[in-house]
Amino acid sequence: MSSDIFAVMADRRSCKRFSPQPLEMDKVLQVIQAGHLAPSAGNLQNWSFLVITDIEKVRELYHHTLDQEAFLTAPMAIVVCGDVDYAHKMYGMRGKRLYTIQNCAAAMENMLLAAHALGLGAVWIGAFDEDKVSGMFGIPNEAHRPQAILLIGYPDYEVEPKSIRPIQEVVYFNSFGNKVLRPHLIFYDWATEWRNQAQKVRQHLSARKEAIVARKAEEEKHPPKPRENPLVKAKEQIRSAVEKLKKEQYRK
């Protein structure tokens, strides 16, 4: 996998607040093109992209999407619709109820990644009143159901990193629930193992350094008693012994 593509996926975050900076239409078209290049069941491509540039209508969507505040600043919205009739004709109820959702979801993910690669912010909205949204834009809800809404624009803030579950918690081998503590070794990804080992060494050295600093600080507060030189102690013992012998000789 290209490191650039992986970086785009790793850095992408949902943008919930947009700046008033104008949005270039050529970037919007690239985002839509990315969605249209997504994979689909049987190559159905049974999606359509309704681009909403009317700011008043984008703001009105706020009332039909559980009052999600991103609609109050987004300069543009794209409603992704799925042609459920065509999917039903080709694949029956599974095409209507599952493949259409999967196809549109794949298109949405492509558009999110493309938006991020172009320096834009975007957020996937899935909670909305389908009937209200269809009525607003004249979508024939019986045949073309709105599946998701994409808001795009320039972000108005620095998004924070999100926590990612450890991969060993979500990867199973050969049977569900069969976990491997270090799955990268299964794929002979020794670079990951080396990075993990290096991280452990850095943590050990850091902890050791902190312990040394703490010990020095404690010694400054409570200096230890100076250690007695064993050579000086031995000389003193010899001197005492000699003096004792002299006294005994004198008494004789």
C-alpha atoms as a PDB file:
ATOM      1  CA  MET A   1       0.000   0.000   0.000  1.00  0.00           C
ATOM      2  CA  SER A   2       1.326   3.449  -0.889  1.00  0.00           C
ATOM      3  CA  SER A   3       2.494   5.315   2.195  1.00  0.00           C
ATOM      4  CA  ASP A   4       0.728   8.465   0.918  1.00  0.00           C
ATOM      5  CA  ILE A   5      -2.634   6.694   0.662  1.00  0.00           C
ATOM      6  CA  PHE A   6      -2.159   5.161   4.097  1.00  0.00           C
ATOM      7  CA  ALA A   7      -1.313   8.582   5.546  1.00  0.00           C
ATOM      8  CA  VAL A   8      -4.538  10.031   4.113  1.00  0.00           C
ATOM      9  CA  MET A   9      -6.563   7.261   5.732  1.00  0.00           C
ATOM     10  CA  ALA A  10      -4.735   7.552   9.053  1.00  0.00           C
ATOM     11  CA  ASP A  11      -5.039  11.355   9.285  1.00  0.00           C
ATOM     12  CA  ARG A  12      -8.641  11.765   8.127  1.00  0.00           C
ATOM     13  CA  ARG A  13     -11.082  13.039  10.748  1.00  0.00           C
ATOM     14  CA  SER A  14     -14.694  14.178  10.661  1.00  0.00           C
ATOM     15  CA  CYS A  15     -15.013  17.961  10.430  1.00  0.00           C
ATOM     16  CA  LYS A  16     -17.887  19.390  12.479  1.00  0.00           C
ATOM     17  CA  ARG A  17     -17.262  23.115  11.913  1.00  0.00           C
ATOM     18  CA  PHE A  18     -16.337  24.848   8.653  1.00  0.00           C
ATOM     19  CA  SER A  19     -14.723  28.183   7.825  1.00  0.00           C
ATOM     20  CA  PRO A  20     -16.319  30.769   5.485  1.00  0.00           C
ATOM     21  CA  GLN A  21     -13.492  30.240   2.970  1.00  0.00           C
ATOM     22  CA  PRO A  22     -14.975  29.774  -0.531  1.00  0.00           C
ATOM     23  CA  LEU A  23     -14.974  26.229  -1.847  1.00  0.00           C
ATOM     24  CA  GLU A  24     -13.529  25.615  -5.318  1.00  0.00           C
ATOM     25  CA  MET A  25     -15.858  23.701  -7.622  1.00  0.00           C
ATOM     26  CA  ASP A  26     -12.985  21.843  -9.266  1.00  0.00           C
ATOM     27  CA  LYS A  27     -12.214  20.239  -5.893  1.00  0.00           C
ATOM     28  CA  VAL A  28     -15.883  19.384  -5.421  1.00  0.00           C
ATOM     29  CA  LEU A  29     -15.918  17.672  -8.816  1.00  0.00           C
ATOM     30  CA  GLN A  30     -12.818  15.685  -7.898  1.00  0.00           C
ATOM     31  CA  VAL A  31     -14.534  14.538  -4.707  1.00  0.00           C
ATOM     32  CA  ILE A  32     -17.606  13.436  -6.677  1.00  0.00           C
ATOM     33  CA  GLN A  33     -15.425  11.689  -9.258  1.00  0.00           C
ATOM     34  CA  ALA A  34     -13.765   9.758  -6.417  1.00  0.00           C
ATOM     35  CA  GLY A  35     -17.196   8.639  -5.250  1.00  0.00           C
ATOM     36  CA  HIS A  36     -18.136   7.543  -8.755  1.00  0.00           C
ATOM     37  CA  LEU A  37     -14.967   5.403  -8.939  1.00  0.00           C
ATOM     38  CA  ALA A  38     -15.998   3.332  -5.924  1.00  0.00           C
ATOM     39  CA  PRO A  39     -16.592  -0.418  -6.237  1.00  0.00           C
ATOM     40  CA  SER A  40     -20.169  -1.696  -6.334  1.00  0.00           C
ATOM     41  CA  ALA A  41     -21.947  -5.044  -6.319  1.00  0.00           C
ATOM     42  CA  GLY A  42     -22.032  -6.404  -9.854  1.00  0.00           C
ATOM     43  CA  ASN A  43     -20.720  -3.011 -10.982  1.00  0.00           C
ATOM     44  CA  LEU A  44     -24.247  -1.637 -10.486  1.00  0.00           C
ATOM     45  CA  GLN A  45     -23.024   1.910  -9.809  1.00  0.00           C
ATOM     46  CA  ASN A  46     -26.590   2.555  -8.645  1.00  0.00           C
ATOM     47  CA  TRP A  47     -25.788   5.812  -6.923  1.00  0.00           C
ATOM     48  CA  SER A  48     -26.485   9.442  -7.694  1.00  0.00           C
ATOM     49  CA  PHE A  49     -24.985  12.581  -6.167  1.00  0.00           C
ATOM     50  CA  LEU A  50     -27.234  15.556  -5.448  1.00  0.00           C
ATOM     51  CA  VAL A  51     -25.018  18.622  -4.923  1.00  0.00           C
ATOM     52  CA  ILE A  52     -26.589  21.317  -2.710  1.00  0.00           C
ATOM     53  CA  THR A  53     -24.957  24.739  -3.156  1.00  0.00           C
ATOM     54  CA  ASP A  54     -27.950  26.756  -1.907  1.00  0.00           C
ATOM     55  CA  ILE A  55     -26.769  27.860   1.551  1.00  0.00           C
ATOM     56  CA  GLU A  56     -30.319  28.393   2.819  1.00  0.00           C
ATOM     57  CA  LYS A  57     -31.190  24.787   1.968  1.00  0.00           C
ATOM     58  CA  VAL A  58     -28.019  23.512   3.593  1.00  0.00           C
ATOM     59  CA  ARG A  59     -29.005  25.406   6.747  1.00  0.00           C
ATOM     60  CA  GLU A  60     -32.566  24.057   6.517  1.00  0.00           C
ATOM     61  CA  LEU A  61     -31.210  20.513   6.599  1.00  0.00           C
ATOM     62  CA  TYR A  62     -30.181  21.240  10.187  1.00  0.00           C
ATOM     63  CA  HIS A  63     -33.825  20.804  11.243  1.00  0.00           C
ATOM     64  CA  HIS A  64     -34.117  17.379   9.581  1.00  0.00           C
ATOM     65  CA  THR A  65     -30.830  15.908  10.829  1.00  0.00           C
ATOM     66  CA  LEU A  66     -31.272  15.877  14.613  1.00  0.00           C
ATOM     67  CA  ASP A  67     -29.970  19.469  14.795  1.00  0.00           C
ATOM     68  CA  GLN A  68     -26.393  18.577  13.896  1.00  0.00           C
ATOM     69  CA  GLU A  69     -24.460  21.845  14.080  1.00  0.00           C
ATOM     70  CA  ALA A  70     -22.165  21.073  11.143  1.00  0.00           C
ATOM     71  CA  PHE A  71     -25.049  22.162   8.863  1.00  0.00           C
ATOM     72  CA  LEU A  72     -24.852  25.681  10.315  1.00  0.00           C
ATOM     73  CA  THR A  73     -21.382  26.343   8.871  1.00  0.00           C
ATOM     74  CA  ALA A  74     -20.996  23.939   5.924  1.00  0.00           C
ATOM     75  CA  PRO A  75     -20.833  25.724   2.547  1.00  0.00           C
ATOM     76  CA  MET A  76     -22.055  22.708   0.601  1.00  0.00           C
ATOM     77  CA  ALA A  77     -23.784  19.350   0.963  1.00  0.00           C
ATOM     78  CA  ILE A  78     -23.911  16.267  -1.244  1.00  0.00           C
ATOM     79  CA  VAL A  79     -26.838  13.906  -0.826  1.00  0.00           C
ATOM     80  CA  VAL A  80     -25.895  10.394  -1.928  1.00  0.00           C
ATOM     81  CA  CYS A  81     -28.911   8.475  -3.213  1.00  0.00           C
ATOM     82  CA  GLY A  82     -29.235   4.813  -4.124  1.00  0.00           C
ATOM     83  CA  ASP A  83     -31.347   3.458  -6.977  1.00  0.00           C
ATOM     84  CA  VAL A  84     -33.092   0.711  -5.019  1.00  0.00           C
ATOM     85  CA  ASP A  85     -35.368  -0.283  -7.930  1.00  0.00           C
ATOM     86  CA  TYR A  86     -32.428  -1.106 -10.180  1.00  0.00           C
ATOM     87  CA  ALA A  87     -30.713  -3.083  -7.408  1.00  0.00           C
ATOM     88  CA  HIS A  88     -33.941  -4.983  -6.714  1.00  0.00           C
ATOM     89  CA  LYS A  89     -34.342  -5.770 -10.392  1.00  0.00           C
ATOM     90  CA  MET A  90     -30.831  -7.186 -10.606  1.00  0.00           C
ATOM     91  CA  TYR A  91     -30.436  -8.879  -7.199  1.00  0.00           C
ATOM     92  CA  GLY A  92     -33.827  -9.027  -5.546  1.00  0.00           C
ATOM     93  CA  MET A  93     -34.393  -7.958  -1.957  1.00  0.00           C
ATOM     94  CA  ARG A  94     -30.723  -8.437  -1.054  1.00  0.00           C
ATOM     95  CA  GLY A  95     -29.787  -5.917  -3.727  1.00  0.00           C
ATOM     96  CA  LYS A  96     -32.431  -3.487  -2.487  1.00  0.00           C
ATOM     97  CA  ARG A  97     -31.762  -3.792   1.244  1.00  0.00           C
ATOM     98  CA  LEU A  98     -28.023  -4.518   1.368  1.00  0.00           C
ATOM     99  CA  TYR A  99     -26.087  -3.986  -1.862  1.00  0.00           C
ATOM    100  CA  THR A 100     -27.438  -0.457  -2.366  1.00  0.00           C
ATOM    101  CA  ILE A 101     -26.341   0.536   1.134  1.00  0.00           C
ATOM    102  CA  GLN A 102     -22.918  -1.034   0.646  1.00  0.00           C
ATOM    103  CA  ASN A 103     -22.421   0.612  -2.745  1.00  0.00           C
ATOM    104  CA  CYS A 104     -23.293   4.074  -1.477  1.00  0.00           C
ATOM    105  CA  ALA A 105     -21.151   3.559   1.616  1.00  0.00           C
ATOM    106  CA  ALA A 106     -18.165   2.711  -0.586  1.00  0.00           C
ATOM    107  CA  ALA A 107     -18.778   5.898  -2.595  1.00  0.00           C
ATOM    108  CA  MET A 108     -19.009   7.930   0.622  1.00  0.00           C
ATOM    109  CA  GLU A 109     -15.712   6.587   1.919  1.00  0.00           C
ATOM    110  CA  ASN A 110     -13.985   7.398  -1.378  1.00  0.00           C
ATOM    111  CA  MET A 111     -15.294  10.956  -1.199  1.00  0.00           C
ATOM    112  CA  LEU A 112     -14.204  11.410   2.409  1.00  0.00           C
ATOM    113  CA  LEU A 113     -10.658  10.318   1.574  1.00  0.00           C
ATOM    114  CA  ALA A 114     -10.554  12.458  -1.568  1.00  0.00           C
ATOM    115  CA  ALA A 115     -11.743  15.517   0.353  1.00  0.00           C
ATOM    116  CA  HIS A 116      -9.032  15.043   2.960  1.00  0.00           C
ATOM    117  CA  ALA A 117      -6.357  14.530   0.294  1.00  0.00           C
ATOM    118  CA  LEU A 118      -7.453  17.843  -1.272  1.00  0.00           C
ATOM    119  CA  GLY A 119      -7.075  19.701   2.012  1.00  0.00           C
ATOM    120  CA  LEU A 120     -10.809  19.884   2.698  1.00  0.00           C
ATOM    121  CA  GLY A 121     -12.814  18.952   5.738  1.00  0.00           C
ATOM    122  CA  ALA A 122     -15.774  16.587   5.456  1.00  0.00           C
ATOM    123  CA  VAL A 123     -18.234  14.709   7.609  1.00  0.00           C
ATOM    124  CA  TRP A 124     -20.522  11.755   6.903  1.00  0.00           C
ATOM    125  CA  ILE A 125     -24.108  12.370   8.084  1.00  0.00           C
ATOM    126  CA  GLY A 126     -26.283   9.282   8.391  1.00  0.00           C
ATOM    127  CA  ALA A 127     -28.952  10.460  10.850  1.00  0.00           C
ATOM    128  CA  PHE A 128     -31.701  12.315   9.003  1.00  0.00           C
ATOM    129  CA  ASP A 129     -35.393  12.203   8.129  1.00  0.00           C
ATOM    130  CA  GLU A 130     -35.475  10.531   4.712  1.00  0.00           C
ATOM    131  CA  ASP A 131     -38.964  11.754   3.844  1.00  0.00           C
ATOM    132  CA  LYS A 132     -38.176  15.370   4.748  1.00  0.00           C
ATOM    133  CA  VAL A 133     -34.906  15.343   2.804  1.00  0.00           C
ATOM    134  CA  SER A 134     -36.558  13.698  -0.210  1.00  0.00           C
ATOM    135  CA  GLY A 135     -39.381  16.241  -0.122  1.00  0.00           C
ATOM    136  CA  MET A 136     -36.958  19.186   0.059  1.00  0.00           C
ATOM    137  CA  PHE A 137     -35.148  18.209  -3.134  1.00  0.00           C
ATOM    138  CA  GLY A 138     -37.778  16.292  -5.085  1.00  0.00           C
ATOM    139  CA  ILE A 139     -36.097  12.899  -4.667  1.00  0.00           C
ATOM    140  CA  PRO A 140     -38.428  10.063  -5.761  1.00  0.00           C
ATOM    141  CA  ASN A 141     -38.127   8.255  -2.436  1.00  0.00           C
ATOM    142  CA  GLU A 142     -39.717   5.049  -3.708  1.00  0.00           C
ATOM    143  CA  ALA A 143     -36.972   4.440  -6.269  1.00  0.00           C
ATOM    144  CA  HIS A 144     -34.038   6.622  -5.177  1.00  0.00           C
ATOM    145  CA  ARG A 145     -33.594   6.596  -1.422  1.00  0.00           C
ATOM    146  CA  PRO A 146     -31.182   9.098   0.165  1.00  0.00           C
ATOM    147  CA  GLN A 147     -28.502   7.019   1.873  1.00  0.00           C
ATOM    148  CA  ALA A 148     -26.181   9.625   3.370  1.00  0.00           C
ATOM    149  CA  ILE A 149     -25.268  13.304   3.321  1.00  0.00           C
ATOM    150  CA  LEU A 150     -21.712  14.546   2.878  1.00  0.00           C
ATOM    151  CA  LEU A 151     -20.803  18.020   4.151  1.00  0.00           C
ATOM    152  CA  ILE A 152     -17.583  19.478   2.766  1.00  0.00           C
ATOM    153  CA  GLY A 153     -15.661  22.714   3.114  1.00  0.00           C
ATOM    154  CA  TYR A 154     -12.524  24.086   4.696  1.00  0.00           C
ATOM    155  CA  PRO A 155     -12.193  23.197   8.388  1.00  0.00           C
ATOM    156  CA  ASP A 156     -12.372  26.000  10.938  1.00  0.00           C
ATOM    157  CA  TYR A 157     -10.231  24.258  13.559  1.00  0.00           C
ATOM    158  CA  GLU A 158      -7.490  21.717  14.073  1.00  0.00           C
ATOM    159  CA  VAL A 159      -9.069  18.317  14.517  1.00  0.00           C
ATOM    160  CA  GLU A 160      -7.735  16.175  17.350  1.00  0.00           C
ATOM    161  CA  PRO A 161      -6.368  12.670  16.842  1.00  0.00           C
ATOM    162  CA  LYS A 162      -8.844   9.920  17.592  1.00  0.00           C
ATOM    163  CA  SER A 163      -8.148   6.822  19.602  1.00  0.00           C
ATOM    164  CA  ILE A 164      -7.792   3.640  17.571  1.00  0.00           C
ATOM    165  CA  ARG A 165      -8.530   0.192  18.966  1.00  0.00           C
ATOM    166  CA  PRO A 166      -5.492  -2.111  18.922  1.00  0.00           C
ATOM    167  CA  ILE A 167      -5.566  -4.178  15.742  1.00  0.00           C
ATOM    168  CA  GLN A 168      -5.176  -7.421  17.680  1.00  0.00           C
ATOM    169  CA  GLU A 169      -8.619  -6.777  19.187  1.00  0.00           C
ATOM    170  CA  VAL A 170     -10.372  -6.770  15.817  1.00  0.00           C
ATOM    171  CA  VAL A 171      -8.429  -9.337  13.772  1.00  0.00           C
ATOM    172  CA  TYR A 172      -9.238 -13.040  13.920  1.00  0.00           C
ATOM    173  CA  PHE A 173      -7.603 -15.953  12.074  1.00  0.00           C
ATOM    174  CA  ASN A 174      -9.430 -18.945  10.602  1.00  0.00           C
ATOM    175  CA  SER A 175     -12.364 -18.784  13.050  1.00  0.00           C
ATOM    176  CA  PHE A 176     -14.249 -15.930  14.652  1.00  0.00           C
ATOM    177  CA  GLY A 177     -12.761 -15.039  18.020  1.00  0.00           C
ATOM    178  CA  ASN A 178      -9.415 -16.718  17.300  1.00  0.00           C
ATOM    179  CA  LYS A 179      -7.084 -13.844  18.159  1.00  0.00           C
ATOM    180  CA  VAL A 180      -3.352 -13.553  17.643  1.00  0.00           C
ATOM    181  CA  LEU A 181      -1.565 -11.219  20.032  1.00  0.00           C
ATOM    182  CA  ARG A 182       0.903 -10.077  17.384  1.00  0.00           C
ATOM    183  CA  PRO A 183      -0.822 -10.502  13.998  1.00  0.00           C
ATOM    184  CA  HIS A 184       1.942  -8.699  12.119  1.00  0.00           C
ATOM    185  CA  LEU A 185       4.203 -11.717  12.690  1.00  0.00           C
ATOM    186  CA  ILE A 186       1.703 -13.876  10.826  1.00  0.00           C
ATOM    187  CA  PHE A 187       2.346 -11.697   7.771  1.00  0.00           C
ATOM    188  CA  TYR A 188       6.105 -11.612   8.400  1.00  0.00           C
ATOM    189  CA  ASP A 189       5.950  -7.885   9.026  1.00  0.00           C
ATOM    190  CA  TRP A 190       9.204  -7.770  10.945  1.00  0.00           C
ATOM    191  CA  ALA A 191       9.406  -3.988  10.610  1.00  0.00           C
ATOM    192  CA  THR A 192       6.405  -3.681  12.929  1.00  0.00           C
ATOM    193  CA  GLU A 193       8.017  -6.045  15.428  1.00  0.00           C
ATOM    194  CA  TRP A 194      11.236  -4.041  15.338  1.00  0.00           C
ATOM    195  CA  ARG A 195       9.324  -0.808  15.881  1.00  0.00           C
ATOM    196  CA  ASN A 196       7.481  -2.359  18.814  1.00  0.00           C
ATOM    197  CA  GLN A 197      10.724  -3.626  20.347  1.00  0.00           C
ATOM    198  CA  ALA A 198      12.381  -0.246  19.805  1.00  0.00           C
ATOM    199  CA  GLN A 199       9.441   1.424  21.507  1.00  0.00           C
ATOM    200  CA  LYS A 200       9.851  -0.890  24.506  1.00  0.00           C
ATOM    201  CA  VAL A 201      13.565  -0.033  24.688  1.00  0.00           C
ATOM    202  CA  ARG A 202      12.775   3.690  24.528  1.00  0.00           C
ATOM    203  CA  GLN A 203      10.199   3.302  27.280  1.00  0.00           C
ATOM    204  CA  HIS A 204      12.680   1.345  29.417  1.00  0.00           C
ATOM    205  CA  LEU A 205      15.409   3.959  28.934  1.00  0.00           C
ATOM    206  CA  SER A 206      12.970   6.760  29.640  1.00  0.00           C
ATOM    207  CA  ALA A 207      11.791   5.069  32.840  1.00  0.00           C
ATOM    208  CA  ARG A 208      15.402   4.470  33.875  1.00  0.00           C
ATOM    209  CA  LYS A 209      16.289   8.102  33.217  1.00  0.00           C
ATOM    210  CA  GLU A 210      13.312   9.267  35.252  1.00  0.00           C
ATOM    211  CA  ALA A 211      14.359   6.976  38.103  1.00  0.00           C
ATOM    212  CA  ILE A 212      17.917   8.392  38.054  1.00  0.00           C
ATOM    213  CA  VAL A 213      16.625  11.957  38.051  1.00  0.00           C
ATOM    214  CA  ALA A 214      14.253  11.151  40.928  1.00  0.00           C
ATOM    215  CA  ARG A 215      17.072   9.507  42.920  1.00  0.00           C
ATOM    216  CA  LYS A 216      19.366  12.503  42.425  1.00  0.00           C
ATOM    217  CA  ALA A 217      16.613  14.860  43.510  1.00  0.00           C
ATOM    218  CA  GLU A 218      16.068  12.742  46.630  1.00  0.00           C
ATOM    219  CA  GLU A 219      19.798  12.720  47.379  1.00  0.00           C
ATOM    220  CA  GLU A 220      19.905  16.508  47.108  1.00  0.00           C
ATOM    221  CA  LYS A 221      17.123  16.737  49.681  1.00  0.00           C
ATOM    222  CA  HIS A 222      18.604  14.061  51.933  1.00  0.00           C
ATOM    223  CA  PRO A 223      22.330  13.665  51.191  1.00  0.00           C
ATOM    224  CA  PRO A 224      23.557  10.169  52.087  1.00  0.00           C
ATOM    225  CA  LYS A 225      26.220   9.754  54.730  1.00  0.00           C
ATOM    226  CA  PRO A 226      29.705   9.651  53.218  1.00  0.00           C
ATOM    227  CA  ARG A 227      30.956   6.119  52.790  1.00  0.00           C
ATOM    228  CA  GLU A 228      34.003   5.204  54.877  1.00  0.00           C
ATOM    229  CA  ASN A 229      37.163   4.450  52.923  1.00  0.00           C
ATOM    230  CA  PRO A 230      38.012   0.767  53.609  1.00  0.00           C
ATOM    231  CA  LEU A 231      41.761   1.494  53.377  1.00  0.00           C
ATOM    232  CA  VAL A 232      41.562   4.210  56.009  1.00  0.00           C
ATOM    233  CA  LYS A 233      39.505   1.878  58.192  1.00  0.00           C
ATOM    234  CA  ALA A 234      42.104  -0.891  57.830  1.00  0.00           C
ATOM    235  CA  LYS A 235      44.942   1.485  58.744  1.00  0.00           C
ATOM    236  CA  GLU A 236      43.036   2.607  61.802  1.00  0.00           C
ATOM    237  CA  GLN A 237      42.477  -1.004  62.871  1.00  0.00           C
ATOM    238  CA  ILE A 238      46.209  -1.760  62.465  1.00  0.00           C
ATOM    239  CA  ARG A 239      47.156   1.367  64.407  1.00  0.00           C
ATOM    240  CA  SER A 240      44.797   0.418  67.213  1.00  0.00           C
ATOM    241  CA  ALA A 241      46.232  -3.099  67.322  1.00  0.00           C
ATOM    242  CA  VAL A 242      49.795  -1.772  67.493  1.00  0.00           C
ATOM    243  CA  GLU A 243      48.911   0.613  70.301  1.00  0.00           C
ATOM    244  CA  LYS A 244      47.263  -2.208  72.181  1.00  0.00           C
ATOM    245  CA  LEU A 245      50.398  -4.369  71.836  1.00  0.00           C
ATOM    246  CA  LYS A 246      52.561  -1.515  73.075  1.00  0.00           C
ATOM    247  CA  LYS A 247      50.433  -1.072  76.151  1.00  0.00           C
ATOM    248  CA  GLU A 248      50.507  -4.786  76.911  1.00  0.00           C
ATOM    249  CA  GLN A 249      54.309  -4.834  76.478  1.00  0.00           C
ATOM    250  CA  TYR A 250      54.608  -1.859  78.751  1.00  0.00           C
ATOM    251  CA  ARG A 251      52.559  -3.555  81.458  1.00  0.00           C
ATOM    252  CA  LYS A 252      54.906  -6.555  81.316  1.00  0.00           C
END
